[in-house]
Amino acid sequence: MALSRTVRLALAAALALPAVAAAVPASAAPAPHTARPAYGAHHFGHGPRYDGGVWGGYVAQGSGFQSVTGSWTMPAVQCNTSSDLFAPWVGIDGYGSQTVEQTGVQADCSSGSPVYSAWYEMYPAPPQYFSDPVDAGDVFTASVVNSGGGSYTLQISDTTKGWSESTVQQLDGQNVSAEAVIESPSQSYPSFNRLDFTNVTVNGQVFDAYNPQAINSGPYTETALSNGSFAIVPA
């Protein structure tokens, strides 16, 4: 494509704003990589599973979130269109705040074939991409840690290939949610069979202890959370 990936993502997010704003809860910020629309009038508390707009997986809400960590295996994806874009990640904030501190990987179909890469983002600043190699089937472990004073340490490791990246960033985050999710900022998912999140912890405790809410996104849903583990599968 003639447009760069950054420009393409910005255009895709801008076009997606009305649909996302109508789909998801008020005052949260739903997507990495590009501008986030405000959530609409959807509220939690009316059943076990919710429409997450561009997010899918599990989100815990509350206060005082200091850390989140989790692992996953990046699935092989099939590109259906050049707009397909898909990212699993872990992070703090985003539901009930206008900042998100997050790191993960993505599969970008803008070239016609999936291109995998790792990134971090301190939204509203733009994402930053790592140059390390990423392939389908790689196992990742990632974490976001609030060190206090607006300082966050974001780390992601490809345990299959043996590389690890860590960065310390500053942001005035509110620490009101913690996530282990998938996302399509373009609202156009490629096809994949299954993605397993494992060993998800928040503040050093198993994710289940925070009673996180399950949210669906696009054509995917999640299995039941059990001891910090769940799968993303086709709905």
C-alpha atoms as a PDB file:
ATOM      1  CA  MET A   1       0.000   0.000   0.000  1.00  0.00           C
ATOM      2  CA  ALA A   2       1.107   3.578  -0.615  1.00  0.00           C
ATOM      3  CA  LEU A   3       0.237   4.714   2.918  1.00  0.00           C
ATOM      4  CA  SER A   4       2.525   3.938   5.823  1.00  0.00           C
ATOM      5  CA  ARG A   5       1.255   1.652   8.584  1.00  0.00           C
ATOM      6  CA  THR A   6       1.011   4.599  10.997  1.00  0.00           C
ATOM      7  CA  VAL A   7      -1.098   6.642   8.574  1.00  0.00           C
ATOM      8  CA  ARG A   8      -3.255   3.639   7.750  1.00  0.00           C
ATOM      9  CA  LEU A   9      -3.973   2.951  11.426  1.00  0.00           C
ATOM     10  CA  ALA A  10      -4.860   6.585  12.069  1.00  0.00           C
ATOM     11  CA  LEU A  11      -7.277   6.627   9.137  1.00  0.00           C
ATOM     12  CA  ALA A  12      -8.834   3.333  10.186  1.00  0.00           C
ATOM     13  CA  ALA A  13      -9.382   4.547  13.730  1.00  0.00           C
ATOM     14  CA  ALA A  14     -10.911   7.809  12.546  1.00  0.00           C
ATOM     15  CA  LEU A  15     -13.363   5.966  10.306  1.00  0.00           C
ATOM     16  CA  ALA A  16     -14.264   3.594  13.151  1.00  0.00           C
ATOM     17  CA  LEU A  17     -15.117   6.248  15.728  1.00  0.00           C
ATOM     18  CA  PRO A  18     -18.925   6.391  15.364  1.00  0.00           C
ATOM     19  CA  ALA A  19     -19.404   2.622  15.574  1.00  0.00           C
ATOM     20  CA  VAL A  20     -17.129   2.232  18.572  1.00  0.00           C
ATOM     21  CA  ALA A  21     -18.629   5.166  20.434  1.00  0.00           C
ATOM     22  CA  ALA A  22     -22.057   3.566  20.187  1.00  0.00           C
ATOM     23  CA  ALA A  23     -20.878   0.164  21.348  1.00  0.00           C
ATOM     24  CA  VAL A  24     -18.976   0.461  24.608  1.00  0.00           C
ATOM     25  CA  PRO A  25     -19.139   1.936  28.155  1.00  0.00           C
ATOM     26  CA  ALA A  26     -18.844   5.609  29.042  1.00  0.00           C
ATOM     27  CA  SER A  27     -15.588   7.427  29.805  1.00  0.00           C
ATOM     28  CA  ALA A  28     -13.215   4.624  28.809  1.00  0.00           C
ATOM     29  CA  ALA A  29     -10.617   4.631  26.060  1.00  0.00           C
ATOM     30  CA  PRO A  30     -10.770   1.473  23.990  1.00  0.00           C
ATOM     31  CA  ALA A  31      -7.941   1.004  21.504  1.00  0.00           C
ATOM     32  CA  PRO A  32      -4.185   0.951  21.326  1.00  0.00           C
ATOM     33  CA  HIS A  33      -2.203   2.424  18.447  1.00  0.00           C
ATOM     34  CA  THR A  34      -4.443   5.365  17.539  1.00  0.00           C
ATOM     35  CA  ALA A  35      -6.987   7.897  18.817  1.00  0.00           C
ATOM     36  CA  ARG A  36      -9.593   6.523  21.186  1.00  0.00           C
ATOM     37  CA  PRO A  37     -13.248   7.534  21.059  1.00  0.00           C
ATOM     38  CA  ALA A  38     -15.202   7.866  24.286  1.00  0.00           C
ATOM     39  CA  TYR A  39     -17.339   4.890  25.229  1.00  0.00           C
ATOM     40  CA  GLY A  40     -21.067   5.137  24.719  1.00  0.00           C
ATOM     41  CA  ALA A  41     -23.905   4.442  27.118  1.00  0.00           C
ATOM     42  CA  HIS A  42     -23.352   0.714  27.647  1.00  0.00           C
ATOM     43  CA  HIS A  43     -22.956  -0.212  31.318  1.00  0.00           C
ATOM     44  CA  PHE A  44     -21.740  -3.282  33.178  1.00  0.00           C
ATOM     45  CA  GLY A  45     -24.001  -5.336  35.431  1.00  0.00           C
ATOM     46  CA  HIS A  46     -26.610  -6.829  33.071  1.00  0.00           C
ATOM     47  CA  GLY A  47     -25.234 -10.310  32.420  1.00  0.00           C
ATOM     48  CA  PRO A  48     -22.021 -12.299  32.321  1.00  0.00           C
ATOM     49  CA  ARG A  49     -20.609 -11.041  29.009  1.00  0.00           C
ATOM     50  CA  TYR A  50     -20.460  -7.599  27.396  1.00  0.00           C
ATOM     51  CA  ASP A  51     -19.851  -5.963  24.053  1.00  0.00           C
ATOM     52  CA  GLY A  52     -16.342  -4.540  24.283  1.00  0.00           C
ATOM     53  CA  GLY A  53     -16.324  -2.713  20.956  1.00  0.00           C
ATOM     54  CA  VAL A  54     -12.728  -3.059  19.773  1.00  0.00           C
ATOM     55  CA  TRP A  55     -11.663  -4.948  22.935  1.00  0.00           C
ATOM     56  CA  GLY A  56     -12.278  -8.608  23.764  1.00  0.00           C
ATOM     57  CA  GLY A  57     -11.116 -10.660  26.736  1.00  0.00           C
ATOM     58  CA  TYR A  58     -11.226  -9.756  30.432  1.00  0.00           C
ATOM     59  CA  VAL A  59     -11.093  -6.377  32.191  1.00  0.00           C
ATOM     60  CA  ALA A  60     -10.948  -5.778  35.962  1.00  0.00           C
ATOM     61  CA  GLN A  61     -12.159  -2.423  37.323  1.00  0.00           C
ATOM     62  CA  GLY A  62     -11.498  -0.747  40.652  1.00  0.00           C
ATOM     63  CA  SER A  63      -8.612   1.321  41.969  1.00  0.00           C
ATOM     64  CA  GLY A  64      -4.979   0.970  42.890  1.00  0.00           C
ATOM     65  CA  PHE A  65      -3.905  -1.353  40.089  1.00  0.00           C
ATOM     66  CA  GLN A  66      -0.130  -1.580  40.377  1.00  0.00           C
ATOM     67  CA  SER A  67       0.789  -4.387  38.010  1.00  0.00           C
ATOM     68  CA  VAL A  68      -0.521  -6.800  35.409  1.00  0.00           C
ATOM     69  CA  THR A  69       1.319  -9.666  33.784  1.00  0.00           C
ATOM     70  CA  GLY A  70       0.333 -12.445  31.422  1.00  0.00           C
ATOM     71  CA  SER A  71       1.481 -14.842  28.734  1.00  0.00           C
ATOM     72  CA  TRP A  72       0.034 -15.894  25.401  1.00  0.00           C
ATOM     73  CA  THR A  73       0.882 -17.725  22.198  1.00  0.00           C
ATOM     74  CA  MET A  74       0.540 -15.648  19.038  1.00  0.00           C
ATOM     75  CA  PRO A  75      -1.679 -17.587  16.637  1.00  0.00           C
ATOM     76  CA  ALA A  76      -1.203 -17.860  12.899  1.00  0.00           C
ATOM     77  CA  VAL A  77      -3.720 -15.565  11.223  1.00  0.00           C
ATOM     78  CA  GLN A  78      -5.364 -15.542   7.814  1.00  0.00           C
ATOM     79  CA  CYS A  79      -5.801 -12.109   6.262  1.00  0.00           C
ATOM     80  CA  ASN A  80      -9.266 -11.591   4.798  1.00  0.00           C
ATOM     81  CA  THR A  81      -8.760  -7.942   3.792  1.00  0.00           C
ATOM     82  CA  SER A  82      -5.897  -5.434   3.890  1.00  0.00           C
ATOM     83  CA  SER A  83      -7.749  -3.665   6.731  1.00  0.00           C
ATOM     84  CA  ASP A  84      -7.379  -6.610   9.094  1.00  0.00           C
ATOM     85  CA  LEU A  85      -5.430  -5.755  12.231  1.00  0.00           C
ATOM     86  CA  PHE A  86      -5.251  -7.694  15.471  1.00  0.00           C
ATOM     87  CA  ALA A  87      -3.366  -7.228  18.742  1.00  0.00           C
ATOM     88  CA  PRO A  88      -3.292  -9.200  22.012  1.00  0.00           C
ATOM     89  CA  TRP A  89      -1.932  -7.226  24.981  1.00  0.00           C
ATOM     90  CA  VAL A  90      -1.900  -6.637  28.726  1.00  0.00           C
ATOM     91  CA  GLY A  91      -2.184  -3.239  30.364  1.00  0.00           C
ATOM     92  CA  ILE A  92      -3.393  -0.883  33.053  1.00  0.00           C
ATOM     93  CA  ASP A  93      -6.141   1.753  32.592  1.00  0.00           C
ATOM     94  CA  GLY A  94      -8.434   2.368  29.631  1.00  0.00           C
ATOM     95  CA  TYR A  95     -11.782   1.420  31.217  1.00  0.00           C
ATOM     96  CA  GLY A  96     -12.795   4.514  33.163  1.00  0.00           C
ATOM     97  CA  SER A  97      -9.754   6.590  32.211  1.00  0.00           C
ATOM     98  CA  GLN A  98      -8.366   8.426  29.215  1.00  0.00           C
ATOM     99  CA  THR A  99      -4.899   6.877  29.451  1.00  0.00           C
ATOM    100  CA  VAL A 100      -3.733   3.339  28.783  1.00  0.00           C
ATOM    101  CA  GLU A 101      -0.340   1.831  29.637  1.00  0.00           C
ATOM    102  CA  GLN A 102       0.023  -1.322  27.562  1.00  0.00           C
ATOM    103  CA  THR A 103       2.297  -3.694  25.671  1.00  0.00           C
ATOM    104  CA  GLY A 104       1.691  -6.558  23.278  1.00  0.00           C
ATOM    105  CA  VAL A 105       2.097  -7.836  19.741  1.00  0.00           C
ATOM    106  CA  GLN A 106       0.112  -7.413  16.545  1.00  0.00           C
ATOM    107  CA  ALA A 107      -0.634  -8.984  13.182  1.00  0.00           C
ATOM    108  CA  ASP A 108      -1.020  -6.343  10.459  1.00  0.00           C
ATOM    109  CA  CYS A 109      -2.538  -7.336   7.094  1.00  0.00           C
ATOM    110  CA  SER A 110      -2.011  -4.043   5.237  1.00  0.00           C
ATOM    111  CA  SER A 111       0.556  -5.702   2.932  1.00  0.00           C
ATOM    112  CA  GLY A 112      -1.851  -8.528   2.092  1.00  0.00           C
ATOM    113  CA  SER A 113      -0.049 -11.012   4.332  1.00  0.00           C
ATOM    114  CA  PRO A 114       0.266 -10.932   8.132  1.00  0.00           C
ATOM    115  CA  VAL A 115       3.244  -8.998   9.468  1.00  0.00           C
ATOM    116  CA  TYR A 116       3.896  -9.629  13.169  1.00  0.00           C
ATOM    117  CA  SER A 117       5.535  -7.115  15.508  1.00  0.00           C
ATOM    118  CA  ALA A 118       5.802  -6.184  19.183  1.00  0.00           C
ATOM    119  CA  TRP A 119       4.998  -2.751  20.619  1.00  0.00           C
ATOM    120  CA  TYR A 120       4.197  -0.705  23.696  1.00  0.00           C
ATOM    121  CA  GLU A 121       1.982   2.342  24.076  1.00  0.00           C
ATOM    122  CA  MET A 122       1.461   5.017  26.694  1.00  0.00           C
ATOM    123  CA  TYR A 123      -1.753   6.410  25.261  1.00  0.00           C
ATOM    124  CA  PRO A 124      -2.419   9.206  24.282  1.00  0.00           C
ATOM    125  CA  ALA A 125       1.160   9.100  22.943  1.00  0.00           C
ATOM    126  CA  PRO A 126       1.504   7.002  19.763  1.00  0.00           C
ATOM    127  CA  PRO A 127       2.667   3.373  19.888  1.00  0.00           C
ATOM    128  CA  GLN A 128       6.329   2.487  19.717  1.00  0.00           C
ATOM    129  CA  TYR A 129       7.403  -0.641  17.846  1.00  0.00           C
ATOM    130  CA  PHE A 130      10.265  -2.983  18.671  1.00  0.00           C
ATOM    131  CA  SER A 131      12.447  -4.289  15.837  1.00  0.00           C
ATOM    132  CA  ASP A 132      12.788  -7.805  17.263  1.00  0.00           C
ATOM    133  CA  PRO A 133      11.514 -10.676  15.078  1.00  0.00           C
ATOM    134  CA  VAL A 134       8.012 -11.986  15.796  1.00  0.00           C
ATOM    135  CA  ASP A 135       6.325 -14.997  14.210  1.00  0.00           C
ATOM    136  CA  ALA A 136       3.136 -16.965  14.623  1.00  0.00           C
ATOM    137  CA  GLY A 137       3.560 -19.630  17.274  1.00  0.00           C
ATOM    138  CA  ASP A 138       5.863 -17.513  19.437  1.00  0.00           C
ATOM    139  CA  VAL A 139       5.123 -17.487  23.170  1.00  0.00           C
ATOM    140  CA  PHE A 140       5.109 -14.085  24.881  1.00  0.00           C
ATOM    141  CA  THR A 141       5.181 -12.908  28.471  1.00  0.00           C
ATOM    142  CA  ALA A 142       4.412  -9.243  29.120  1.00  0.00           C
ATOM    143  CA  SER A 143       3.947  -6.981  32.100  1.00  0.00           C
ATOM    144  CA  VAL A 144       3.081  -3.406  33.019  1.00  0.00           C
ATOM    145  CA  VAL A 145       4.160  -2.204  36.462  1.00  0.00           C
ATOM    146  CA  ASN A 146       3.233   1.094  38.095  1.00  0.00           C
ATOM    147  CA  SER A 147       6.291   2.156  40.094  1.00  0.00           C
ATOM    148  CA  GLY A 148       4.654   5.290  41.521  1.00  0.00           C
ATOM    149  CA  GLY A 149       5.086   8.937  40.693  1.00  0.00           C
ATOM    150  CA  GLY A 150       3.730   8.392  37.187  1.00  0.00           C
ATOM    151  CA  SER A 151       6.500   5.921  36.307  1.00  0.00           C
ATOM    152  CA  TYR A 152       5.616   2.666  34.508  1.00  0.00           C
ATOM    153  CA  THR A 153       7.868  -0.201  33.502  1.00  0.00           C
ATOM    154  CA  LEU A 154       6.656  -2.111  30.444  1.00  0.00           C
ATOM    155  CA  GLN A 155       8.317  -5.376  29.515  1.00  0.00           C
ATOM    156  CA  ILE A 156       7.669  -7.946  26.804  1.00  0.00           C
ATOM    157  CA  SER A 157       9.614 -11.129  26.118  1.00  0.00           C
ATOM    158  CA  ASP A 158       9.467 -13.597  23.238  1.00  0.00           C
ATOM    159  CA  THR A 159      10.356 -16.769  25.115  1.00  0.00           C
ATOM    160  CA  THR A 160      10.423 -18.751  21.863  1.00  0.00           C
ATOM    161  CA  LYS A 161      13.071 -16.587  20.212  1.00  0.00           C
ATOM    162  CA  GLY A 162      14.784 -15.530  23.424  1.00  0.00           C
ATOM    163  CA  TRP A 163      14.569 -11.733  23.203  1.00  0.00           C
ATOM    164  CA  SER A 164      13.212  -9.311  25.792  1.00  0.00           C
ATOM    165  CA  GLU A 165      12.478  -5.586  25.755  1.00  0.00           C
ATOM    166  CA  SER A 166      11.893  -3.269  28.714  1.00  0.00           C
ATOM    167  CA  THR A 167      11.169   0.443  28.888  1.00  0.00           C
ATOM    168  CA  VAL A 168      10.395   2.935  31.651  1.00  0.00           C
ATOM    169  CA  GLN A 169       7.874   5.626  30.741  1.00  0.00           C
ATOM    170  CA  GLN A 170       6.119   8.501  32.496  1.00  0.00           C
ATOM    171  CA  LEU A 171       2.359   9.114  32.400  1.00  0.00           C
ATOM    172  CA  ASP A 172      -0.253  10.477  34.764  1.00  0.00           C
ATOM    173  CA  GLY A 173      -2.290   7.274  34.800  1.00  0.00           C
ATOM    174  CA  GLN A 174      -5.248   6.654  37.109  1.00  0.00           C
ATOM    175  CA  ASN A 175      -4.690   2.910  37.650  1.00  0.00           C
ATOM    176  CA  VAL A 176      -8.427   2.128  37.597  1.00  0.00           C
ATOM    177  CA  SER A 177      -8.466  -1.008  35.423  1.00  0.00           C
ATOM    178  CA  ALA A 178      -6.316  -3.941  34.350  1.00  0.00           C
ATOM    179  CA  GLU A 179      -6.708  -5.896  31.115  1.00  0.00           C
ATOM    180  CA  ALA A 180      -5.709  -9.028  29.258  1.00  0.00           C
ATOM    181  CA  VAL A 181      -7.404  -8.528  25.899  1.00  0.00           C
ATOM    182  CA  ILE A 182      -7.351  -8.720  22.135  1.00  0.00           C
ATOM    183  CA  GLU A 183      -8.147  -5.731  19.969  1.00  0.00           C
ATOM    184  CA  SER A 184      -8.681  -4.628  16.396  1.00  0.00           C
ATOM    185  CA  PRO A 185      -8.270  -0.825  16.172  1.00  0.00           C
ATOM    186  CA  SER A 186      -9.530  -1.022  12.563  1.00  0.00           C
ATOM    187  CA  GLN A 187     -12.557  -3.107  13.695  1.00  0.00           C
ATOM    188  CA  SER A 188     -11.540  -5.696  11.105  1.00  0.00           C
ATOM    189  CA  TYR A 189     -10.140  -8.946  12.484  1.00  0.00           C
ATOM    190  CA  PRO A 190      -8.142 -11.515  10.533  1.00  0.00           C
ATOM    191  CA  SER A 191      -9.129 -15.143  11.044  1.00  0.00           C
ATOM    192  CA  PHE A 192      -7.463 -17.319  13.678  1.00  0.00           C
ATOM    193  CA  ASN A 193      -8.475 -20.488  15.486  1.00  0.00           C
ATOM    194  CA  ARG A 194      -7.484 -19.843  19.095  1.00  0.00           C
ATOM    195  CA  LEU A 195      -5.367 -17.650  21.343  1.00  0.00           C
ATOM    196  CA  ASP A 196      -4.527 -18.781  24.883  1.00  0.00           C
ATOM    197  CA  PHE A 197      -3.801 -16.308  27.684  1.00  0.00           C
ATOM    198  CA  THR A 198      -2.131 -17.955  30.682  1.00  0.00           C
ATOM    199  CA  ASN A 199      -0.724 -16.968  34.082  1.00  0.00           C
ATOM    200  CA  VAL A 200      -2.497 -13.602  34.128  1.00  0.00           C
ATOM    201  CA  THR A 201      -1.946 -11.858  37.457  1.00  0.00           C
ATOM    202  CA  VAL A 202      -2.892  -8.436  38.830  1.00  0.00           C
ATOM    203  CA  ASN A 203      -1.044  -6.902  41.778  1.00  0.00           C
ATOM    204  CA  GLY A 204       0.679 -10.256  42.213  1.00  0.00           C
ATOM    205  CA  GLN A 205      -2.604 -12.138  42.604  1.00  0.00           C
ATOM    206  CA  VAL A 206      -4.322 -14.446  40.151  1.00  0.00           C
ATOM    207  CA  PHE A 207      -6.555 -12.456  37.770  1.00  0.00           C
ATOM    208  CA  ASP A 208      -9.692 -14.267  38.985  1.00  0.00           C
ATOM    209  CA  ALA A 209      -9.373 -12.605  42.407  1.00  0.00           C
ATOM    210  CA  TYR A 210     -10.459  -9.280  40.878  1.00  0.00           C
ATOM    211  CA  ASN A 211     -13.664 -10.675  39.323  1.00  0.00           C
ATOM    212  CA  PRO A 212     -12.875  -9.316  35.858  1.00  0.00           C
ATOM    213  CA  GLN A 213     -15.659  -8.800  33.333  1.00  0.00           C
ATOM    214  CA  ALA A 214     -15.733 -10.828  30.117  1.00  0.00           C
ATOM    215  CA  ILE A 215     -16.130  -8.772  26.942  1.00  0.00           C
ATOM    216  CA  ASN A 216     -16.598  -9.853  23.336  1.00  0.00           C
ATOM    217  CA  SER A 217     -15.056  -8.217  20.291  1.00  0.00           C
ATOM    218  CA  GLY A 218     -15.978  -8.714  16.651  1.00  0.00           C
ATOM    219  CA  PRO A 219     -16.180 -12.394  15.701  1.00  0.00           C
ATOM    220  CA  TYR A 220     -14.413 -13.626  18.860  1.00  0.00           C
ATOM    221  CA  THR A 221     -15.428 -14.574  22.374  1.00  0.00           C
ATOM    222  CA  GLU A 222     -13.570 -15.880  25.422  1.00  0.00           C
ATOM    223  CA  THR A 223     -13.761 -19.074  27.432  1.00  0.00           C
ATOM    224  CA  ALA A 224     -14.299 -19.030  31.192  1.00  0.00           C
ATOM    225  CA  LEU A 225     -11.442 -17.579  33.231  1.00  0.00           C
ATOM    226  CA  SER A 226      -9.799 -20.223  35.424  1.00  0.00           C
ATOM    227  CA  ASN A 227      -6.732 -19.634  37.589  1.00  0.00           C
ATOM    228  CA  GLY A 228      -5.542 -16.753  35.417  1.00  0.00           C
ATOM    229  CA  SER A 229      -6.033 -18.559  32.116  1.00  0.00           C
ATOM    230  CA  PHE A 230      -8.577 -18.347  29.300  1.00  0.00           C
ATOM    231  CA  ALA A 231      -8.789 -18.681  25.539  1.00  0.00           C
ATOM    232  CA  ILE A 232     -10.018 -16.378  22.785  1.00  0.00           C
ATOM    233  CA  VAL A 233     -11.979 -18.402  20.224  1.00  0.00           C
ATOM    234  CA  PRO A 234     -14.340 -17.727  17.315  1.00  0.00           C
ATOM    235  CA  ALA A 235     -17.825 -16.846  18.586  1.00  0.00           C
END
